[in-house]
Full PDB file with SEQRES, HELIX, SHEET, SSBOND, CRYST1, ORIGX, SCALE, CONECT and MASTER records, all heavy atoms in Angstrom:
SEQRES   1 A   31  LYS ALA ARG GLY ALA LEU THR LEU ALA LYS ALA GLY GLN          
SEQRES   2 A   31  GLU ALA GLU ALA GLU ALA PHE ALA GLN ARG TYR ARG ALA          
SEQRES   3 A   31  LEU GLY VAL ALA VAL                                          
HELIX    1 AA1 GLU A   14  ALA A   26  1                                  13    
CRYST1    1.000    1.000    1.000  90.00  90.00  90.00 P 1           1          
ORIGX1      1.000000  0.000000  0.000000        0.00000                         
ORIGX2      0.000000  1.000000  0.000000        0.00000                         
ORIGX3      0.000000  0.000000  1.000000        0.00000                         
SCALE1      1.000000  0.000000  0.000000        0.00000                         
SCALE2      0.000000  1.000000  0.000000        0.00000                         
SCALE3      0.000000  0.000000  1.000000        0.00000                         
ATOM      1  N   LYS A   1       5.288   7.976  15.167  1.00  0.00           N  
ATOM      2  CA  LYS A   1       6.644   7.436  14.936  1.00  0.00           C  
ATOM      3  C   LYS A   1       6.708   7.055  13.471  1.00  0.00           C  
ATOM      4  O   LYS A   1       5.885   6.485  12.902  1.00  0.00           O  
ATOM      5  CB  LYS A   1       6.870   6.168  15.792  1.00  0.00           C  
ATOM      6  CG  LYS A   1       8.201   5.511  15.725  1.00  0.00           C  
ATOM      7  CD  LYS A   1       8.206   4.274  16.445  1.00  0.00           C  
ATOM      8  CE  LYS A   1       9.543   3.505  16.133  1.00  0.00           C  
ATOM      9  NZ  LYS A   1       9.544   2.106  16.737  1.00  0.00           N  
ATOM     10  N   ALA A   2       7.968   7.420  12.824  1.00  0.00           N  
ATOM     11  CA  ALA A   2       8.113   7.269  11.432  1.00  0.00           C  
ATOM     12  C   ALA A   2       7.910   5.763  11.049  1.00  0.00           C  
ATOM     13  O   ALA A   2       8.293   4.890  11.797  1.00  0.00           O  
ATOM     14  CB  ALA A   2       9.538   7.692  11.120  1.00  0.00           C  
ATOM     15  N   ARG A   3       7.318   5.643   9.965  1.00  0.00           N  
ATOM     16  CA  ARG A   3       7.077   4.218   9.301  1.00  0.00           C  
ATOM     17  C   ARG A   3       7.199   4.229   7.793  1.00  0.00           C  
ATOM     18  O   ARG A   3       7.955   3.401   7.213  1.00  0.00           O  
ATOM     19  CB  ARG A   3       5.671   3.885   9.870  1.00  0.00           C  
ATOM     20  CG  ARG A   3       5.271   2.454   9.280  1.00  0.00           C  
ATOM     21  CD  ARG A   3       3.806   2.230   9.596  1.00  0.00           C  
ATOM     22  NE  ARG A   3       3.347   0.959   9.155  1.00  0.00           N  
ATOM     23  CZ  ARG A   3       3.343  -0.126   9.948  1.00  0.00           C  
ATOM     24  NH1 ARG A   3       3.901  -0.078  11.063  1.00  0.00           N  
ATOM     25  NH2 ARG A   3       2.815  -1.284   9.443  1.00  0.00           N  
ATOM     26  N   GLY A   4       6.346   4.966   7.103  1.00  0.00           N  
ATOM     27  CA  GLY A   4       6.198   4.937   5.661  1.00  0.00           C  
ATOM     28  C   GLY A   4       5.257   3.771   5.410  1.00  0.00           C  
ATOM     29  O   GLY A   4       5.087   2.861   6.094  1.00  0.00           O  
ATOM     30  N   ALA A   5       4.624   3.855   4.195  1.00  0.00           N  
ATOM     31  CA  ALA A   5       3.782   2.828   3.715  1.00  0.00           C  
ATOM     32  C   ALA A   5       3.873   2.601   2.190  1.00  0.00           C  
ATOM     33  O   ALA A   5       4.058   3.462   1.418  1.00  0.00           O  
ATOM     34  CB  ALA A   5       2.316   3.151   4.030  1.00  0.00           C  
ATOM     35  N   LEU A   6       3.778   1.407   1.788  1.00  0.00           N  
ATOM     36  CA  LEU A   6       3.941   1.045   0.329  1.00  0.00           C  
ATOM     37  C   LEU A   6       2.710   0.247  -0.046  1.00  0.00           C  
ATOM     38  O   LEU A   6       2.399  -0.869   0.523  1.00  0.00           O  
ATOM     39  CB  LEU A   6       5.175   0.288   0.178  1.00  0.00           C  
ATOM     40  CG  LEU A   6       5.531  -0.209  -1.182  1.00  0.00           C  
ATOM     41  CD1 LEU A   6       5.761   1.015  -2.168  1.00  0.00           C  
ATOM     42  CD2 LEU A   6       6.859  -1.082  -1.198  1.00  0.00           C  
ATOM     43  N   THR A   7       1.974   0.739  -0.969  1.00  0.00           N  
ATOM     44  CA  THR A   7       0.770   0.139  -1.560  1.00  0.00           C  
ATOM     45  C   THR A   7       1.144  -0.523  -2.958  1.00  0.00           C  
ATOM     46  O   THR A   7       1.655   0.240  -3.710  1.00  0.00           O  
ATOM     47  CB  THR A   7      -0.446   1.085  -1.699  1.00  0.00           C  
ATOM     48  OG1 THR A   7      -0.828   1.655  -0.516  1.00  0.00           O  
ATOM     49  CG2 THR A   7      -1.612   0.348  -2.244  1.00  0.00           C  
ATOM     50  N   LEU A   8       1.100  -1.824  -2.969  1.00  0.00           N  
ATOM     51  CA  LEU A   8       1.461  -2.488  -4.160  1.00  0.00           C  
ATOM     52  C   LEU A   8       0.404  -2.719  -5.176  1.00  0.00           C  
ATOM     53  O   LEU A   8      -0.769  -2.826  -4.861  1.00  0.00           O  
ATOM     54  CB  LEU A   8       2.080  -3.825  -3.804  1.00  0.00           C  
ATOM     55  CG  LEU A   8       3.315  -3.835  -2.892  1.00  0.00           C  
ATOM     56  CD1 LEU A   8       3.713  -5.240  -2.528  1.00  0.00           C  
ATOM     57  CD2 LEU A   8       4.395  -3.101  -3.485  1.00  0.00           C  
ATOM     58  N   ALA A   9       0.830  -2.661  -6.541  1.00  0.00           N  
ATOM     59  CA  ALA A   9      -0.077  -2.942  -7.639  1.00  0.00           C  
ATOM     60  C   ALA A   9       0.544  -3.947  -8.459  1.00  0.00           C  
ATOM     61  O   ALA A   9       1.741  -3.952  -8.654  1.00  0.00           O  
ATOM     62  CB  ALA A   9      -0.446  -1.723  -8.396  1.00  0.00           C  
ATOM     63  N   LYS A  10      -0.350  -4.904  -8.989  1.00  0.00           N  
ATOM     64  CA  LYS A  10       0.186  -5.952  -9.905  1.00  0.00           C  
ATOM     65  C   LYS A  10       0.333  -5.456 -11.266  1.00  0.00           C  
ATOM     66  O   LYS A  10      -0.170  -4.364 -11.688  1.00  0.00           O  
ATOM     67  CB  LYS A  10      -0.842  -7.144  -9.906  1.00  0.00           C  
ATOM     68  CG  LYS A  10      -0.850  -7.883  -8.578  1.00  0.00           C  
ATOM     69  CD  LYS A  10      -1.833  -9.021  -8.541  1.00  0.00           C  
ATOM     70  CE  LYS A  10      -1.748  -9.728  -7.239  1.00  0.00           C  
ATOM     71  NZ  LYS A  10      -2.522 -10.906  -7.141  1.00  0.00           N  
ATOM     72  N   ALA A  11       1.059  -6.195 -12.085  1.00  0.00           N  
ATOM     73  CA  ALA A  11       1.124  -5.938 -13.543  1.00  0.00           C  
ATOM     74  C   ALA A  11      -0.276  -5.722 -14.087  1.00  0.00           C  
ATOM     75  O   ALA A  11      -1.155  -6.551 -13.721  1.00  0.00           O  
ATOM     76  CB  ALA A  11       1.944  -6.994 -14.273  1.00  0.00           C  
ATOM     77  N   GLY A  12      -0.483  -4.605 -14.882  1.00  0.00           N  
ATOM     78  CA  GLY A  12      -1.799  -4.433 -15.314  1.00  0.00           C  
ATOM     79  C   GLY A  12      -2.556  -3.349 -14.587  1.00  0.00           C  
ATOM     80  O   GLY A  12      -3.645  -2.893 -14.975  1.00  0.00           O  
ATOM     81  N   GLN A  13      -2.036  -3.082 -13.391  1.00  0.00           N  
ATOM     82  CA  GLN A  13      -2.748  -2.172 -12.542  1.00  0.00           C  
ATOM     83  C   GLN A  13      -1.964  -0.774 -12.380  1.00  0.00           C  
ATOM     84  O   GLN A  13      -2.176  -0.026 -11.537  1.00  0.00           O  
ATOM     85  CB  GLN A  13      -2.937  -2.735 -11.048  1.00  0.00           C  
ATOM     86  CG  GLN A  13      -3.966  -3.841 -11.032  1.00  0.00           C  
ATOM     87  CD  GLN A  13      -3.946  -4.475  -9.618  1.00  0.00           C  
ATOM     88  OE1 GLN A  13      -2.970  -4.564  -8.968  1.00  0.00           O  
ATOM     89  NE2 GLN A  13      -5.222  -4.921  -9.297  1.00  0.00           N  
ATOM     90  N   GLU A  14      -0.993  -0.626 -13.267  1.00  0.00           N  
ATOM     91  CA  GLU A  14      -0.254   0.574 -13.232  1.00  0.00           C  
ATOM     92  C   GLU A  14      -1.014   1.866 -13.259  1.00  0.00           C  
ATOM     93  O   GLU A  14      -0.651   2.787 -12.559  1.00  0.00           O  
ATOM     94  CB  GLU A  14       0.886   0.633 -14.290  1.00  0.00           C  
ATOM     95  CG  GLU A  14       1.890  -0.554 -14.156  1.00  0.00           C  
ATOM     96  CD  GLU A  14       1.473  -1.884 -14.789  1.00  0.00           C  
ATOM     97  OE1 GLU A  14       0.375  -2.079 -15.192  1.00  0.00           O  
ATOM     98  OE2 GLU A  14       2.383  -2.706 -14.855  1.00  0.00           O  
ATOM     99  N   ALA A  15      -2.016   1.901 -14.105  1.00  0.00           N  
ATOM    100  CA  ALA A  15      -2.845   3.068 -14.278  1.00  0.00           C  
ATOM    101  C   ALA A  15      -3.531   3.383 -12.921  1.00  0.00           C  
ATOM    102  O   ALA A  15      -3.620   4.570 -12.633  1.00  0.00           O  
ATOM    103  CB  ALA A  15      -3.820   2.886 -15.391  1.00  0.00           C  
ATOM    104  N   GLU A  16      -4.027   2.329 -12.245  1.00  0.00           N  
ATOM    105  CA  GLU A  16      -4.750   2.714 -11.067  1.00  0.00           C  
ATOM    106  C   GLU A  16      -3.764   3.152 -10.011  1.00  0.00           C  
ATOM    107  O   GLU A  16      -4.091   4.166  -9.162  1.00  0.00           O  
ATOM    108  CB  GLU A  16      -5.416   1.429 -10.516  1.00  0.00           C  
ATOM    109  CG  GLU A  16      -6.522   0.992 -11.255  1.00  0.00           C  
ATOM    110  CD  GLU A  16      -6.381  -0.018 -12.369  1.00  0.00           C  
ATOM    111  OE1 GLU A  16      -5.235  -0.144 -12.826  1.00  0.00           O  
ATOM    112  OE2 GLU A  16      -7.260  -0.883 -12.718  1.00  0.00           O  
ATOM    113  N   ALA A  17      -2.496   2.688  -9.898  1.00  0.00           N  
ATOM    114  CA  ALA A  17      -1.488   3.263  -8.981  1.00  0.00           C  
ATOM    115  C   ALA A  17      -1.202   4.657  -9.390  1.00  0.00           C  
ATOM    116  O   ALA A  17      -1.090   5.486  -8.373  1.00  0.00           O  
ATOM    117  CB  ALA A  17      -0.263   2.309  -9.022  1.00  0.00           C  
ATOM    118  N   GLU A  18      -1.056   4.952 -10.539  1.00  0.00           N  
ATOM    119  CA  GLU A  18      -0.836   6.386 -11.025  1.00  0.00           C  
ATOM    120  C   GLU A  18      -1.963   7.294 -10.634  1.00  0.00           C  
ATOM    121  O   GLU A  18      -1.727   8.393 -10.119  1.00  0.00           O  
ATOM    122  CB  GLU A  18      -0.550   6.351 -12.530  1.00  0.00           C  
ATOM    123  CG  GLU A  18      -0.225   7.695 -13.049  1.00  0.00           C  
ATOM    124  CD  GLU A  18       1.028   8.476 -12.474  1.00  0.00           C  
ATOM    125  OE1 GLU A  18       2.083   7.815 -12.189  1.00  0.00           O  
ATOM    126  OE2 GLU A  18       0.967   9.609 -12.227  1.00  0.00           O  
ATOM    127  N   ALA A  19      -3.153   6.790 -10.831  1.00  0.00           N  
ATOM    128  CA  ALA A  19      -4.290   7.577 -10.530  1.00  0.00           C  
ATOM    129  C   ALA A  19      -4.347   7.837  -9.007  1.00  0.00           C  
ATOM    130  O   ALA A  19      -4.687   9.019  -8.519  1.00  0.00           O  
ATOM    131  CB  ALA A  19      -5.564   6.947 -10.922  1.00  0.00           C  
ATOM    132  N   PHE A  20      -4.066   6.871  -8.195  1.00  0.00           N  
ATOM    133  CA  PHE A  20      -4.001   6.961  -6.721  1.00  0.00           C  
ATOM    134  C   PHE A  20      -2.995   8.030  -6.346  1.00  0.00           C  
ATOM    135  O   PHE A  20      -3.328   9.012  -5.595  1.00  0.00           O  
ATOM    136  CB  PHE A  20      -3.682   5.673  -6.061  1.00  0.00           C  
ATOM    137  CG  PHE A  20      -3.329   5.717  -4.652  1.00  0.00           C  
ATOM    138  CD1 PHE A  20      -4.440   5.634  -3.745  1.00  0.00           C  
ATOM    139  CD2 PHE A  20      -2.121   5.853  -4.179  1.00  0.00           C  
ATOM    140  CE1 PHE A  20      -4.220   5.660  -2.354  1.00  0.00           C  
ATOM    141  CE2 PHE A  20      -1.857   5.990  -2.714  1.00  0.00           C  
ATOM    142  CZ  PHE A  20      -2.892   5.860  -1.834  1.00  0.00           C  
ATOM    143  N   ALA A  21      -1.753   8.021  -6.922  1.00  0.00           N  
ATOM    144  CA  ALA A  21      -0.729   8.878  -6.546  1.00  0.00           C  
ATOM    145  C   ALA A  21      -1.124  10.262  -6.945  1.00  0.00           C  
ATOM    146  O   ALA A  21      -0.955  11.380  -6.306  1.00  0.00           O  
ATOM    147  CB  ALA A  21       0.636   8.461  -7.217  1.00  0.00           C  
ATOM    148  N   GLN A  22      -1.687  10.483  -8.170  1.00  0.00           N  
ATOM    149  CA  GLN A  22      -2.077  11.898  -8.711  1.00  0.00           C  
ATOM    150  C   GLN A  22      -3.118  12.473  -7.848  1.00  0.00           C  
ATOM    151  O   GLN A  22      -3.075  13.672  -7.448  1.00  0.00           O  
ATOM    152  CB  GLN A  22      -2.546  11.735 -10.090  1.00  0.00           C  
ATOM    153  CG  GLN A  22      -1.382  11.586 -11.167  1.00  0.00           C  
ATOM    154  CD  GLN A  22      -1.816  11.489 -12.542  1.00  0.00           C  
ATOM    155  OE1 GLN A  22      -2.986  11.496 -12.892  1.00  0.00           O  
ATOM    156  NE2 GLN A  22      -0.909  11.354 -13.429  1.00  0.00           N  
ATOM    157  N   ARG A  23      -4.187  11.637  -7.446  1.00  0.00           N  
ATOM    158  CA  ARG A  23      -5.359  12.006  -6.584  1.00  0.00           C  
ATOM    159  C   ARG A  23      -4.830  12.733  -5.350  1.00  0.00           C  
ATOM    160  O   ARG A  23      -5.194  13.691  -4.906  1.00  0.00           O  
ATOM    161  CB  ARG A  23      -6.305  11.022  -6.295  1.00  0.00           C  
ATOM    162  CG  ARG A  23      -7.466  11.331  -5.612  1.00  0.00           C  
ATOM    163  CD  ARG A  23      -8.478  10.219  -5.247  1.00  0.00           C  
ATOM    164  NE  ARG A  23      -8.437   9.350  -6.338  1.00  0.00           N  
ATOM    165  CZ  ARG A  23      -8.180   8.005  -6.221  1.00  0.00           C  
ATOM    166  NH1 ARG A  23      -7.953   7.497  -5.076  1.00  0.00           N  
ATOM    167  NH2 ARG A  23      -8.543   7.083  -7.164  1.00  0.00           N  
ATOM    168  N   TYR A  24      -3.892  12.018  -4.665  1.00  0.00           N  
ATOM    169  CA  TYR A  24      -3.485  12.443  -3.395  1.00  0.00           C  
ATOM    170  C   TYR A  24      -2.394  13.555  -3.387  1.00  0.00           C  
ATOM    171  O   TYR A  24      -2.280  14.366  -2.507  1.00  0.00           O  
ATOM    172  CB  TYR A  24      -3.016  11.227  -2.458  1.00  0.00           C  
ATOM    173  CG  TYR A  24      -4.287  10.470  -2.056  1.00  0.00           C  
ATOM    174  CD1 TYR A  24      -4.589   9.342  -2.658  1.00  0.00           C  
ATOM    175  CD2 TYR A  24      -5.108  11.124  -1.040  1.00  0.00           C  
ATOM    176  CE1 TYR A  24      -5.811   8.664  -2.283  1.00  0.00           C  
ATOM    177  CE2 TYR A  24      -6.289  10.499  -0.731  1.00  0.00           C  
ATOM    178  CZ  TYR A  24      -6.720   9.332  -1.327  1.00  0.00           C  
ATOM    179  OH  TYR A  24      -7.814   8.650  -0.965  1.00  0.00           O  
ATOM    180  N   ARG A  25      -1.600  13.434  -4.340  1.00  0.00           N  
ATOM    181  CA  ARG A  25      -0.579  14.617  -4.638  1.00  0.00           C  
ATOM    182  C   ARG A  25      -1.256  15.832  -4.755  1.00  0.00           C  
ATOM    183  O   ARG A  25      -0.932  16.966  -4.318  1.00  0.00           O  
ATOM    184  CB  ARG A  25       0.249  14.322  -5.826  1.00  0.00           C  
ATOM    185  CG  ARG A  25       1.351  13.303  -5.733  1.00  0.00           C  
ATOM    186  CD  ARG A  25       2.189  13.085  -6.947  1.00  0.00           C  
ATOM    187  NE  ARG A  25       2.983  11.972  -6.866  1.00  0.00           N  
ATOM    188  CZ  ARG A  25       3.374  11.234  -8.038  1.00  0.00           C  
ATOM    189  NH1 ARG A  25       2.785  11.407  -9.166  1.00  0.00           N  
ATOM    190  NH2 ARG A  25       4.164  10.269  -7.874  1.00  0.00           N  
ATOM    191  N   ALA A  26      -2.469  15.888  -5.562  1.00  0.00           N  
ATOM    192  CA  ALA A  26      -3.240  17.013  -5.753  1.00  0.00           C  
ATOM    193  C   ALA A  26      -3.790  17.610  -4.350  1.00  0.00           C  
ATOM    194  O   ALA A  26      -4.143  18.777  -4.301  1.00  0.00           O  
ATOM    195  CB  ALA A  26      -4.420  16.780  -6.774  1.00  0.00           C  
ATOM    196  N   LEU A  27      -4.000  16.746  -3.372  1.00  0.00           N  
ATOM    197  CA  LEU A  27      -4.480  17.082  -2.029  1.00  0.00           C  
ATOM    198  C   LEU A  27      -3.260  17.482  -1.120  1.00  0.00           C  
ATOM    199  O   LEU A  27      -3.561  17.745   0.053  1.00  0.00           O  
ATOM    200  CB  LEU A  27      -5.284  16.000  -1.557  1.00  0.00           C  
ATOM    201  CG  LEU A  27      -6.538  15.696  -2.272  1.00  0.00           C  
ATOM    202  CD1 LEU A  27      -7.087  14.318  -1.736  1.00  0.00           C  
ATOM    203  CD2 LEU A  27      -7.541  16.865  -2.185  1.00  0.00           C  
ATOM    204  N   GLY A  28      -2.042  17.455  -1.643  1.00  0.00           N  
ATOM    205  CA  GLY A  28      -0.849  17.833  -0.823  1.00  0.00           C  
ATOM    206  C   GLY A  28      -0.212  16.621  -0.158  1.00  0.00           C  
ATOM    207  O   GLY A  28       0.588  16.806   0.735  1.00  0.00           O  
ATOM    208  N   VAL A  29      -0.631  15.425  -0.459  1.00  0.00           N  
ATOM    209  CA  VAL A  29      -0.085  14.254   0.214  1.00  0.00           C  
ATOM    210  C   VAL A  29       1.157  13.849  -0.489  1.00  0.00           C  
ATOM    211  O   VAL A  29       1.097  13.754  -1.788  1.00  0.00           O  
ATOM    212  CB  VAL A  29      -1.105  13.092   0.192  1.00  0.00           C  
ATOM    213  CG1 VAL A  29      -0.591  11.892   0.873  1.00  0.00           C  
ATOM    214  CG2 VAL A  29      -2.360  13.557   1.029  1.00  0.00           C  
ATOM    215  N   ALA A  30       2.231  13.580   0.123  1.00  0.00           N  
ATOM    216  CA  ALA A  30       3.469  12.948  -0.477  1.00  0.00           C  
ATOM    217  C   ALA A  30       3.235  11.549  -0.825  1.00  0.00           C  
ATOM    218  O   ALA A  30       2.956  10.687  -0.030  1.00  0.00           O  
ATOM    219  CB  ALA A  30       4.684  13.121   0.462  1.00  0.00           C  
ATOM    220  N   VAL A  31       3.325  11.252  -2.191  1.00  0.00           N  
ATOM    221  CA  VAL A  31       3.190   9.897  -2.676  1.00  0.00           C  
ATOM    222  C   VAL A  31       4.208   9.795  -3.866  1.00  0.00           C  
ATOM    223  O   VAL A  31       4.224  10.560  -4.870  1.00  0.00           O  
ATOM    224  CB  VAL A  31       1.714   9.551  -3.173  1.00  0.00           C  
ATOM    225  CG1 VAL A  31       1.681   8.262  -3.742  1.00  0.00           C  
ATOM    226  CG2 VAL A  31       0.703   9.913  -2.195  1.00  0.00           C  
TER     227      VAL A  31                                                      
MASTER        0    0    0    1    0    0    0    6  226    1    0    3          
END                                                                             
């Protein structure tokens, strides 16, 4: 059943959030 998920990052963690998104986008995951 549709839900969606949001993983939050604090100020200063923007690079980690970007790396997470890039890693999974490269695997075909929508982020």
